[in-house]
Amino acid sequence: MFDLVGDLLDRGVAAGDLTSSDTVPFRGWPGATHDVMLRIRPAVDYLDHLPDTGEVCWFAIL
């Protein structure tokens, strides 16, 4: 799973959070693939299951 997420990030897909704003509905996390993976991996490892949609982050093509 982490290889897939890393590949997506390397190809320009952004990981981040949905917002309540109508003008900026998605806010991508800053940093290179490595930095974003350092945020995603521990959050997934903490779970006792594969994450559900939006449980750790959202993905968007910006």
PDB file of N, CA and C in Angstrom:
ATOM      1  N   MET A   1       0.810  -1.184   0.000  1.00  0.00           N
ATOM      2  CA  MET A   1       0.000   0.000   0.000  1.00  0.00           C
ATOM      3  C   MET A   1       0.862   1.260   0.000  1.00  0.00           C
ATOM      4  N   PHE A   2       1.916   1.269   0.792  1.00  0.00           N
ATOM      5  CA  PHE A   2       2.752   2.463   0.878  1.00  0.00           C
ATOM      6  C   PHE A   2       3.481   2.731  -0.439  1.00  0.00           C
ATOM      7  N   ASP A   3       3.830   1.678  -1.166  1.00  0.00           N
ATOM      8  CA  ASP A   3       4.453   1.877  -2.478  1.00  0.00           C
ATOM      9  C   ASP A   3       3.494   2.593  -3.423  1.00  0.00           C
ATOM     10  N   LEU A   4       2.248   2.188  -3.401  1.00  0.00           N
ATOM     11  CA  LEU A   4       1.239   2.810  -4.254  1.00  0.00           C
ATOM     12  C   LEU A   4       1.064   4.288  -3.906  1.00  0.00           C
ATOM     13  N   VAL A   5       0.952   4.593  -2.625  1.00  0.00           N
ATOM     14  CA  VAL A   5       0.790   5.983  -2.195  1.00  0.00           C
ATOM     15  C   VAL A   5       2.012   6.800  -2.603  1.00  0.00           C
ATOM     16  N   GLY A   6       3.199   6.261  -2.408  1.00  0.00           N
ATOM     17  CA  GLY A   6       4.413   6.958  -2.808  1.00  0.00           C
ATOM     18  C   GLY A   6       4.450   7.222  -4.305  1.00  0.00           C
ATOM     19  N   ASP A   7       4.036   6.238  -5.090  1.00  0.00           N
ATOM     20  CA  ASP A   7       3.997   6.421  -6.550  1.00  0.00           C
ATOM     21  C   ASP A   7       3.013   7.525  -6.941  1.00  0.00           C
ATOM     22  N   LEU A   8       1.860   7.560  -6.306  1.00  0.00           N
ATOM     23  CA  LEU A   8       0.882   8.609  -6.593  1.00  0.00           C
ATOM     24  C   LEU A   8       1.453   9.988  -6.265  1.00  0.00           C
ATOM     25  N   LEU A   9       2.080  10.096  -5.115  1.00  0.00           N
ATOM     26  CA  LEU A   9       2.661  11.371  -4.712  1.00  0.00           C
ATOM     27  C   LEU A   9       3.766  11.793  -5.671  1.00  0.00           C
ATOM     28  N   ASP A  10       4.580  10.835  -6.092  1.00  0.00           N
ATOM     29  CA  ASP A  10       5.661  11.136  -7.045  1.00  0.00           C
ATOM     30  C   ASP A  10       5.124  11.628  -8.379  1.00  0.00           C
ATOM     31  N   ARG A  11       3.906  11.249  -8.704  1.00  0.00           N
ATOM     32  CA  ARG A  11       3.312  11.607  -9.996  1.00  0.00           C
ATOM     33  C   ARG A  11       2.394  12.824  -9.908  1.00  0.00           C
ATOM     34  N   GLY A  12       2.460  13.525  -8.794  1.00  0.00           N
ATOM     35  CA  GLY A  12       1.745  14.789  -8.688  1.00  0.00           C
ATOM     36  C   GLY A  12       0.434  14.778  -7.943  1.00  0.00           C
ATOM     37  N   VAL A  13       0.013  13.633  -7.432  1.00  0.00           N
ATOM     38  CA  VAL A  13      -1.196  13.592  -6.621  1.00  0.00           C
ATOM     39  C   VAL A  13      -0.835  14.148  -5.240  1.00  0.00           C
ATOM     40  N   ALA A  14      -1.700  14.988  -4.693  1.00  0.00           N
ATOM     41  CA  ALA A  14      -1.444  15.593  -3.391  1.00  0.00           C
ATOM     42  C   ALA A  14      -2.235  14.877  -2.304  1.00  0.00           C
ATOM     43  N   ALA A  15      -1.627  14.693  -1.156  1.00  0.00           N
ATOM     44  CA  ALA A  15      -2.310  14.199   0.036  1.00  0.00           C
ATOM     45  C   ALA A  15      -2.630  15.407   0.898  1.00  0.00           C
ATOM     46  N   GLY A  16      -3.758  15.376   1.555  1.00  0.00           N
ATOM     47  CA  GLY A  16      -4.111  16.509   2.403  1.00  0.00           C
ATOM     48  C   GLY A  16      -5.458  16.328   3.060  1.00  0.00           C
ATOM     49  N   ASP A  17      -6.056  17.448   3.400  1.00  0.00           N
ATOM     50  CA  ASP A  17      -7.313  17.453   4.139  1.00  0.00           C
ATOM     51  C   ASP A  17      -8.386  18.223   3.377  1.00  0.00           C
ATOM     52  N   LEU A  18      -9.629  17.776   3.539  1.00  0.00           N
ATOM     53  CA  LEU A  18     -10.752  18.547   3.044  1.00  0.00           C
ATOM     54  C   LEU A  18     -10.970  19.710   4.008  1.00  0.00           C
ATOM     55  N   THR A  19     -11.458  20.820   3.482  1.00  0.00           N
ATOM     56  CA  THR A  19     -11.746  21.981   4.317  1.00  0.00           C
ATOM     57  C   THR A  19     -13.232  22.302   4.229  1.00  0.00           C
ATOM     58  N   SER A  20     -13.665  23.238   5.028  1.00  0.00           N
ATOM     59  CA  SER A  20     -15.069  23.672   4.975  1.00  0.00           C
ATOM     60  C   SER A  20     -15.253  24.861   4.036  1.00  0.00           C
ATOM     61  N   SER A  21     -14.196  25.261   3.364  1.00  0.00           N
ATOM     62  CA  SER A  21     -14.244  26.411   2.468  1.00  0.00           C
ATOM     63  C   SER A  21     -14.794  26.035   1.098  1.00  0.00           C
ATOM     64  N   ASP A  22     -15.653  26.882   0.573  1.00  0.00           N
ATOM     65  CA  ASP A  22     -16.157  26.676  -0.789  1.00  0.00           C
ATOM     66  C   ASP A  22     -15.112  27.063  -1.831  1.00  0.00           C
ATOM     67  N   THR A  23     -14.239  27.982  -1.483  1.00  0.00           N
ATOM     68  CA  THR A  23     -13.236  28.442  -2.445  1.00  0.00           C
ATOM     69  C   THR A  23     -11.988  27.577  -2.456  1.00  0.00           C
ATOM     70  N   VAL A  24     -11.639  26.996  -1.308  1.00  0.00           N
ATOM     71  CA  VAL A  24     -10.470  26.100  -1.214  1.00  0.00           C
ATOM     72  C   VAL A  24     -10.927  24.833  -0.485  1.00  0.00           C
ATOM     73  N   PRO A  25     -11.577  23.900  -1.197  1.00  0.00           N
ATOM     74  CA  PRO A  25     -12.151  22.722  -0.540  1.00  0.00           C
ATOM     75  C   PRO A  25     -11.128  21.660  -0.123  1.00  0.00           C
ATOM     76  N   PHE A  26      -9.892  21.775  -0.625  1.00  0.00           N
ATOM     77  CA  PHE A  26      -8.847  20.800  -0.315  1.00  0.00           C
ATOM     78  C   PHE A  26      -7.564  21.551  -0.028  1.00  0.00           C
ATOM     79  N   ARG A  27      -6.881  21.172   1.044  1.00  0.00           N
ATOM     80  CA  ARG A  27      -5.594  21.768   1.379  1.00  0.00           C
ATOM     81  C   ARG A  27      -4.555  20.651   1.409  1.00  0.00           C
ATOM     82  N   GLY A  28      -3.651  20.676   0.431  1.00  0.00           N
ATOM     83  CA  GLY A  28      -2.594  19.678   0.355  1.00  0.00           C
ATOM     84  C   GLY A  28      -1.535  19.890   1.414  1.00  0.00           C
ATOM     85  N   TRP A  29      -0.966  18.800   1.861  1.00  0.00           N
ATOM     86  CA  TRP A  29       0.109  18.886   2.841  1.00  0.00           C
ATOM     87  C   TRP A  29       1.403  19.301   2.144  1.00  0.00           C
ATOM     88  N   PRO A  30       2.175  20.165   2.771  1.00  0.00           N
ATOM     89  CA  PRO A  30       3.430  20.597   2.151  1.00  0.00           C
ATOM     90  C   PRO A  30       4.502  19.522   2.263  1.00  0.00           C
ATOM     91  N   GLY A  31       5.487  19.631   1.400  1.00  0.00           N
ATOM     92  CA  GLY A  31       6.639  18.743   1.482  1.00  0.00           C
ATOM     93  C   GLY A  31       6.728  17.784   0.319  1.00  0.00           C
ATOM     94  N   ALA A  32       7.898  17.215   0.206  1.00  0.00           N
ATOM     95  CA  ALA A  32       8.175  16.215  -0.822  1.00  0.00           C
ATOM     96  C   ALA A  32       7.519  14.890  -0.431  1.00  0.00           C
ATOM     97  N   THR A  33       7.549  13.951  -1.346  1.00  0.00           N
ATOM     98  CA  THR A  33       6.962  12.628  -1.106  1.00  0.00           C
ATOM     99  C   THR A  33       7.421  12.047   0.224  1.00  0.00           C
ATOM    100  N   HIS A  34       8.712  12.103   0.478  1.00  0.00           N
ATOM    101  CA  HIS A  34       9.265  11.542   1.722  1.00  0.00           C
ATOM    102  C   HIS A  34       8.615  12.188   2.949  1.00  0.00           C
ATOM    103  N   ASP A  35       8.456  13.507   2.928  1.00  0.00           N
ATOM    104  CA  ASP A  35       7.872  14.222   4.064  1.00  0.00           C
ATOM    105  C   ASP A  35       6.416  13.822   4.287  1.00  0.00           C
ATOM    106  N   VAL A  36       5.672  13.716   3.208  1.00  0.00           N
ATOM    107  CA  VAL A  36       4.260  13.347   3.315  1.00  0.00           C
ATOM    108  C   VAL A  36       4.130  11.896   3.791  1.00  0.00           C
ATOM    109  N   MET A  37       4.988  11.024   3.304  1.00  0.00           N
ATOM    110  CA  MET A  37       4.960   9.626   3.748  1.00  0.00           C
ATOM    111  C   MET A  37       5.284   9.513   5.239  1.00  0.00           C
ATOM    112  N   LEU A  38       6.137  10.390   5.742  1.00  0.00           N
ATOM    113  CA  LEU A  38       6.440  10.394   7.178  1.00  0.00           C
ATOM    114  C   LEU A  38       5.217  10.783   8.006  1.00  0.00           C
ATOM    115  N   ARG A  39       4.274  11.415   7.392  1.00  0.00           N
ATOM    116  CA  ARG A  39       3.016  11.760   8.057  1.00  0.00           C
ATOM    117  C   ARG A  39       1.980  10.648   7.896  1.00  0.00           C
ATOM    118  N   ILE A  40       1.938  10.029   6.732  1.00  0.00           N
ATOM    119  CA  ILE A  40       0.929   9.006   6.457  1.00  0.00           C
ATOM    120  C   ILE A  40       1.252   7.681   7.151  1.00  0.00           C
ATOM    121  N   ARG A  41       2.490   7.230   7.038  1.00  0.00           N
ATOM    122  CA  ARG A  41       2.850   5.903   7.545  1.00  0.00           C
ATOM    123  C   ARG A  41       2.517   5.702   9.023  1.00  0.00           C
ATOM    124  N   PRO A  42       2.908   6.611   9.927  1.00  0.00           N
ATOM    125  CA  PRO A  42       2.564   6.370  11.334  1.00  0.00           C
ATOM    126  C   PRO A  42       1.060   6.388  11.598  1.00  0.00           C
ATOM    127  N   ALA A  43       0.329   7.215  10.856  1.00  0.00           N
ATOM    128  CA  ALA A  43      -1.120   7.259  11.041  1.00  0.00           C
ATOM    129  C   ALA A  43      -1.759   5.938  10.633  1.00  0.00           C
ATOM    130  N   VAL A  44      -1.275   5.344   9.554  1.00  0.00           N
ATOM    131  CA  VAL A  44      -1.796   4.049   9.102  1.00  0.00           C
ATOM    132  C   VAL A  44      -1.342   2.944  10.054  1.00  0.00           C
ATOM    133  N   ASP A  45      -0.090   2.982  10.467  1.00  0.00           N
ATOM    134  CA  ASP A  45       0.427   1.957  11.373  1.00  0.00           C
ATOM    135  C   ASP A  45      -0.321   1.951  12.703  1.00  0.00           C
ATOM    136  N   TYR A  46      -0.825   3.111  13.121  1.00  0.00           N
ATOM    137  CA  TYR A  46      -1.561   3.217  14.381  1.00  0.00           C
ATOM    138  C   TYR A  46      -2.898   2.484  14.321  1.00  0.00           C
ATOM    139  N   LEU A  47      -3.485   2.440  13.140  1.00  0.00           N
ATOM    140  CA  LEU A  47      -4.779   1.771  12.974  1.00  0.00           C
ATOM    141  C   LEU A  47      -4.611   0.257  13.066  1.00  0.00           C
ATOM    142  N   ASP A  48      -5.672  -0.434  13.423  1.00  0.00           N
ATOM    143  CA  ASP A  48      -5.641  -1.901  13.428  1.00  0.00           C
ATOM    144  C   ASP A  48      -6.308  -2.459  12.178  1.00  0.00           C
ATOM    145  N   HIS A  49      -6.449  -1.602  11.156  1.00  0.00           N
ATOM    146  CA  HIS A  49      -7.088  -1.994   9.892  1.00  0.00           C
ATOM    147  C   HIS A  49      -6.571  -1.074   8.790  1.00  0.00           C
ATOM    148  N   LEU A  50      -6.829  -1.448   7.553  1.00  0.00           N
ATOM    149  CA  LEU A  50      -6.508  -0.531   6.462  1.00  0.00           C
ATOM    150  C   LEU A  50      -7.438   0.674   6.576  1.00  0.00           C
ATOM    151  N   PRO A  51      -6.937   1.857   6.300  1.00  0.00           N
ATOM    152  CA  PRO A  51      -7.769   3.045   6.496  1.00  0.00           C
ATOM    153  C   PRO A  51      -8.963   3.088   5.559  1.00  0.00           C
ATOM    154  N   ASP A  52     -10.055   3.596   6.096  1.00  0.00           N
ATOM    155  CA  ASP A  52     -11.233   3.874   5.291  1.00  0.00           C
ATOM    156  C   ASP A  52     -11.008   5.185   4.542  1.00  0.00           C
ATOM    157  N   THR A  53     -11.820   5.458   3.557  1.00  0.00           N
ATOM    158  CA  THR A  53     -11.711   6.686   2.777  1.00  0.00           C
ATOM    159  C   THR A  53     -11.707   7.899   3.700  1.00  0.00           C
ATOM    160  N   GLY A  54     -10.667   8.718   3.575  1.00  0.00           N
ATOM    161  CA  GLY A  54     -10.558   9.946   4.353  1.00  0.00           C
ATOM    162  C   GLY A  54     -10.127   9.772   5.791  1.00  0.00           C
ATOM    163  N   GLU A  55      -9.872   8.560   6.225  1.00  0.00           N
ATOM    164  CA  GLU A  55      -9.527   8.332   7.627  1.00  0.00           C
ATOM    165  C   GLU A  55      -8.146   8.885   7.981  1.00  0.00           C
ATOM    166  N   VAL A  56      -7.208   8.822   7.063  1.00  0.00           N
ATOM    167  CA  VAL A  56      -5.874   9.355   7.302  1.00  0.00           C
ATOM    168  C   VAL A  56      -5.680  10.659   6.519  1.00  0.00           C
ATOM    169  N   CYS A  57      -6.090  10.663   5.279  1.00  0.00           N
ATOM    170  CA  CYS A  57      -5.988  11.857   4.447  1.00  0.00           C
ATOM    171  C   CYS A  57      -6.864  11.666   3.221  1.00  0.00           C
ATOM    172  N   TRP A  58      -6.933  12.704   2.425  1.00  0.00           N
ATOM    173  CA  TRP A  58      -7.608  12.665   1.130  1.00  0.00           C
ATOM    174  C   TRP A  58      -6.564  12.873   0.069  1.00  0.00           C
ATOM    175  N   PHE A  59      -6.862  12.497  -1.154  1.00  0.00           N
ATOM    176  CA  PHE A  59      -5.940  12.683  -2.270  1.00  0.00           C
ATOM    177  C   PHE A  59      -6.635  13.493  -3.348  1.00  0.00           C
ATOM    178  N   ALA A  60      -5.865  14.352  -4.004  1.00  0.00           N
ATOM    179  CA  ALA A  60      -6.419  15.171  -5.085  1.00  0.00           C
ATOM    180  C   ALA A  60      -5.352  15.411  -6.139  1.00  0.00           C
ATOM    181  N   ILE A  61      -5.802  15.536  -7.362  1.00  0.00           N
ATOM    182  CA  ILE A  61      -4.920  15.941  -8.456  1.00  0.00           C
ATOM    183  C   ILE A  61      -5.064  17.454  -8.564  1.00  0.00           C
ATOM    184  N   LEU A  62      -3.972  18.135  -8.310  1.00  0.00           N
ATOM    185  CA  LEU A  62      -4.022  19.608  -8.329  1.00  0.00           C
ATOM    186  C   LEU A  62      -3.486  20.143  -9.635  1.00  0.00           C
TER     187      LEU A  62
END
